[in-house]
Amino acid sequence: MECNIDLLGLNKVKISIDAQRIIYIQSDEHICIVQCLDGTLRHINMLLKDLSLRLPSNFYRLHKQFIVNLDHVYCYGSYPGKMIRVTGGYEIPLAKNKRLEIHQRINNRFKK
C-alpha cells in the first residue's frame, strides 16, 4: 500500500516519495538525505525532527542523525547491539539510550 509523502527538495522542487520505499533517512545539518530502495538518494530541505512528524509509525529515530524504516531492518544481533543492518546492507548506528527500545520494537515486529 502506497503512503506518499510530499516534501520540498533542494532548490524548492516538490518531491513525492512512497514512504514504504524509504530505507532510512540521514540528517546532514538542515538537509535530510533519504535513501530509497531503488538506490536513489533524495535531498530534502527539512530538519530531521520535522520530517519525522510526517512519517508513518513504522519509522523510528534510533540516533540523532538517523531515522530507519523498521520494515527494512533485517539484522540486529543480540541486545545491546551498536548497529543495525537494513536492506541494501547499510549499517546504521544505534544511540546508546535507544538500544533497549529498538530491540523491543524489532522483536515485537518479528513476533507478529
C-alpha atoms as a PDB file:
ATOM      1  CA  MET A   1       0.000   0.000   0.000  1.00  0.00           C
ATOM      2  CA  GLU A   2       1.437   3.338  -1.037  1.00  0.00           C
ATOM      3  CA  CYS A   3       1.855   6.111   1.506  1.00  0.00           C
ATOM      4  CA  ASN A   4       3.115   9.122  -0.413  1.00  0.00           C
ATOM      5  CA  ILE A   5       4.811  11.954   1.431  1.00  0.00           C
ATOM      6  CA  ASP A   6       5.073  15.297  -0.329  1.00  0.00           C
ATOM      7  CA  LEU A   7       8.309  17.093   0.527  1.00  0.00           C
ATOM      8  CA  LEU A   8      10.335  20.058  -0.586  1.00  0.00           C
ATOM      9  CA  GLY A   9      13.675  19.138  -2.097  1.00  0.00           C
ATOM     10  CA  LEU A  10      16.656  21.351  -2.715  1.00  0.00           C
ATOM     11  CA  ASN A  11      16.007  24.354  -4.950  1.00  0.00           C
ATOM     12  CA  LYS A  12      12.375  24.223  -3.728  1.00  0.00           C
ATOM     13  CA  VAL A  13      11.499  21.331  -6.050  1.00  0.00           C
ATOM     14  CA  LYS A  14       8.463  19.356  -4.856  1.00  0.00           C
ATOM     15  CA  ILE A  15       9.152  15.659  -4.348  1.00  0.00           C
ATOM     16  CA  SER A  16       6.641  12.891  -3.650  1.00  0.00           C
ATOM     17  CA  ILE A  17       8.115   9.743  -2.091  1.00  0.00           C
ATOM     18  CA  ASP A  18       6.355   6.495  -1.212  1.00  0.00           C
ATOM     19  CA  ALA A  19       7.252   6.049   2.475  1.00  0.00           C
ATOM     20  CA  GLN A  20       7.426   2.263   2.080  1.00  0.00           C
ATOM     21  CA  ARG A  21      10.284   2.690  -0.426  1.00  0.00           C
ATOM     22  CA  ILE A  22      12.393   4.614   2.096  1.00  0.00           C
ATOM     23  CA  ILE A  23      15.091   2.536   3.809  1.00  0.00           C
ATOM     24  CA  TYR A  24      16.480   5.232   6.079  1.00  0.00           C
ATOM     25  CA  ILE A  25      16.880   8.981   6.428  1.00  0.00           C
ATOM     26  CA  GLN A  26      20.097  10.669   7.494  1.00  0.00           C
ATOM     27  CA  SER A  27      20.459  14.204   8.762  1.00  0.00           C
ATOM     28  CA  ASP A  28      23.205  16.466   7.476  1.00  0.00           C
ATOM     29  CA  GLU A  29      22.581  19.708   9.376  1.00  0.00           C
ATOM     30  CA  HIS A  30      19.479  21.299   7.769  1.00  0.00           C
ATOM     31  CA  ILE A  31      19.190  18.763   4.964  1.00  0.00           C
ATOM     32  CA  CYS A  32      17.858  15.223   5.153  1.00  0.00           C
ATOM     33  CA  ILE A  33      19.221  12.560   2.840  1.00  0.00           C
ATOM     34  CA  VAL A  34      16.617   9.916   2.012  1.00  0.00           C
ATOM     35  CA  GLN A  35      17.937   6.505   0.916  1.00  0.00           C
ATOM     36  CA  CYS A  36      15.358   4.738  -1.271  1.00  0.00           C
ATOM     37  CA  LEU A  37      15.011   1.074  -2.229  1.00  0.00           C
ATOM     38  CA  ASP A  38      15.976   1.737  -5.846  1.00  0.00           C
ATOM     39  CA  GLY A  39      19.324   3.165  -4.694  1.00  0.00           C
ATOM     40  CA  THR A  40      18.451   6.807  -5.247  1.00  0.00           C
ATOM     41  CA  LEU A  41      19.269   9.475  -2.714  1.00  0.00           C
ATOM     42  CA  ARG A  42      16.800  12.317  -2.266  1.00  0.00           C
ATOM     43  CA  HIS A  43      17.932  15.539  -0.589  1.00  0.00           C
ATOM     44  CA  ILE A  44      15.176  17.207   1.404  1.00  0.00           C
ATOM     45  CA  ASN A  45      15.333  20.751   2.725  1.00  0.00           C
ATOM     46  CA  MET A  46      13.995  19.948   6.213  1.00  0.00           C
ATOM     47  CA  LEU A  47      15.207  19.181   9.716  1.00  0.00           C
ATOM     48  CA  LEU A  48      15.111  15.529  10.735  1.00  0.00           C
ATOM     49  CA  LYS A  49      12.805  16.239  13.692  1.00  0.00           C
ATOM     50  CA  ASP A  50      10.303  17.994  11.385  1.00  0.00           C
ATOM     51  CA  LEU A  51      10.438  15.215   8.799  1.00  0.00           C
ATOM     52  CA  SER A  52       9.909  12.573  11.498  1.00  0.00           C
ATOM     53  CA  LEU A  53       6.488  14.089  12.268  1.00  0.00           C
ATOM     54  CA  ARG A  54       5.346  13.360   8.703  1.00  0.00           C
ATOM     55  CA  LEU A  55       6.344   9.689   8.658  1.00  0.00           C
ATOM     56  CA  PRO A  56       4.172   6.628   9.412  1.00  0.00           C
ATOM     57  CA  SER A  57       4.559   4.693  12.666  1.00  0.00           C
ATOM     58  CA  ASN A  58       6.926   2.094  11.169  1.00  0.00           C
ATOM     59  CA  PHE A  59       9.711   4.721  11.150  1.00  0.00           C
ATOM     60  CA  TYR A  60      11.889   5.079  14.221  1.00  0.00           C
ATOM     61  CA  ARG A  61      14.524   7.627  15.169  1.00  0.00           C
ATOM     62  CA  LEU A  62      17.314   5.492  16.561  1.00  0.00           C
ATOM     63  CA  HIS A  63      20.111   8.065  16.540  1.00  0.00           C
ATOM     64  CA  LYS A  64      20.353  11.856  16.466  1.00  0.00           C
ATOM     65  CA  GLN A  65      21.199  11.644  12.754  1.00  0.00           C
ATOM     66  CA  PHE A  66      19.123   8.654  11.587  1.00  0.00           C
ATOM     67  CA  ILE A  67      15.552   7.516  11.163  1.00  0.00           C
ATOM     68  CA  VAL A  68      15.032   3.977   9.909  1.00  0.00           C
ATOM     69  CA  ASN A  69      12.067   2.224   8.314  1.00  0.00           C
ATOM     70  CA  LEU A  70      11.562  -0.795  10.600  1.00  0.00           C
ATOM     71  CA  ASP A  71      10.155  -2.767   7.645  1.00  0.00           C
ATOM     72  CA  HIS A  72      13.660  -2.774   6.156  1.00  0.00           C
ATOM     73  CA  VAL A  73      15.629  -3.892   9.228  1.00  0.00           C
ATOM     74  CA  TYR A  74      16.954  -7.379   8.589  1.00  0.00           C
ATOM     75  CA  CYS A  75      19.817  -7.842  11.017  1.00  0.00           C
ATOM     76  CA  TYR A  76      20.042  -6.572  14.534  1.00  0.00           C
ATOM     77  CA  GLY A  77      22.032  -9.088  16.550  1.00  0.00           C
ATOM     78  CA  SER A  78      21.727  -9.522  20.270  1.00  0.00           C
ATOM     79  CA  TYR A  79      20.988  -6.800  22.793  1.00  0.00           C
ATOM     80  CA  PRO A  80      22.810  -4.433  23.310  1.00  0.00           C
ATOM     81  CA  GLY A  81      23.835  -4.039  19.684  1.00  0.00           C
ATOM     82  CA  LYS A  82      25.589  -0.896  18.465  1.00  0.00           C
ATOM     83  CA  MET A  83      24.435  -1.108  14.843  1.00  0.00           C
ATOM     84  CA  ILE A  84      21.539  -2.440  12.834  1.00  0.00           C
ATOM     85  CA  ARG A  85      21.646  -3.571   9.234  1.00  0.00           C
ATOM     86  CA  VAL A  86      18.939  -2.646   6.766  1.00  0.00           C
ATOM     87  CA  THR A  87      18.017  -3.550   3.204  1.00  0.00           C
ATOM     88  CA  GLY A  88      20.895  -2.798   0.875  1.00  0.00           C
ATOM     89  CA  GLY A  89      23.476  -3.805   3.507  1.00  0.00           C
ATOM     90  CA  TYR A  90      23.635  -0.346   5.086  1.00  0.00           C
ATOM     91  CA  GLU A  91      24.687  -0.259   8.728  1.00  0.00           C
ATOM     92  CA  ILE A  92      23.006   2.353  10.902  1.00  0.00           C
ATOM     93  CA  PRO A  93      24.392   3.329  14.332  1.00  0.00           C
ATOM     94  CA  LEU A  94      22.194   2.994  17.409  1.00  0.00           C
ATOM     95  CA  ALA A  95      22.242   5.620  20.140  1.00  0.00           C
ATOM     96  CA  LYS A  96      23.093   4.046  23.486  1.00  0.00           C
ATOM     97  CA  ASN A  97      19.868   5.285  25.095  1.00  0.00           C
ATOM     98  CA  LYS A  98      17.736   3.802  22.264  1.00  0.00           C
ATOM     99  CA  ARG A  99      19.130   0.256  22.246  1.00  0.00           C
ATOM    100  CA  LEU A 100      16.638  -1.392  24.583  1.00  0.00           C
ATOM    101  CA  GLU A 101      13.621   0.305  22.988  1.00  0.00           C
ATOM    102  CA  ILE A 102      14.634  -0.555  19.419  1.00  0.00           C
ATOM    103  CA  HIS A 103      15.423  -4.116  20.488  1.00  0.00           C
ATOM    104  CA  GLN A 104      11.897  -4.449  21.905  1.00  0.00           C
ATOM    105  CA  ARG A 105      10.238  -2.843  18.876  1.00  0.00           C
ATOM    106  CA  ILE A 106      12.092  -5.059  16.415  1.00  0.00           C
ATOM    107  CA  ASN A 107      11.329  -8.207  18.420  1.00  0.00           C
ATOM    108  CA  ASN A 108       7.634  -7.247  18.599  1.00  0.00           C
ATOM    109  CA  ARG A 109       7.522  -6.750  14.826  1.00  0.00           C
ATOM    110  CA  PHE A 110       9.013 -10.199  14.175  1.00  0.00           C
ATOM    111  CA  LYS A 111       6.559 -11.869  16.587  1.00  0.00           C
ATOM    112  CA  LYS A 112       3.531 -10.649  14.573  1.00  0.00           C
END
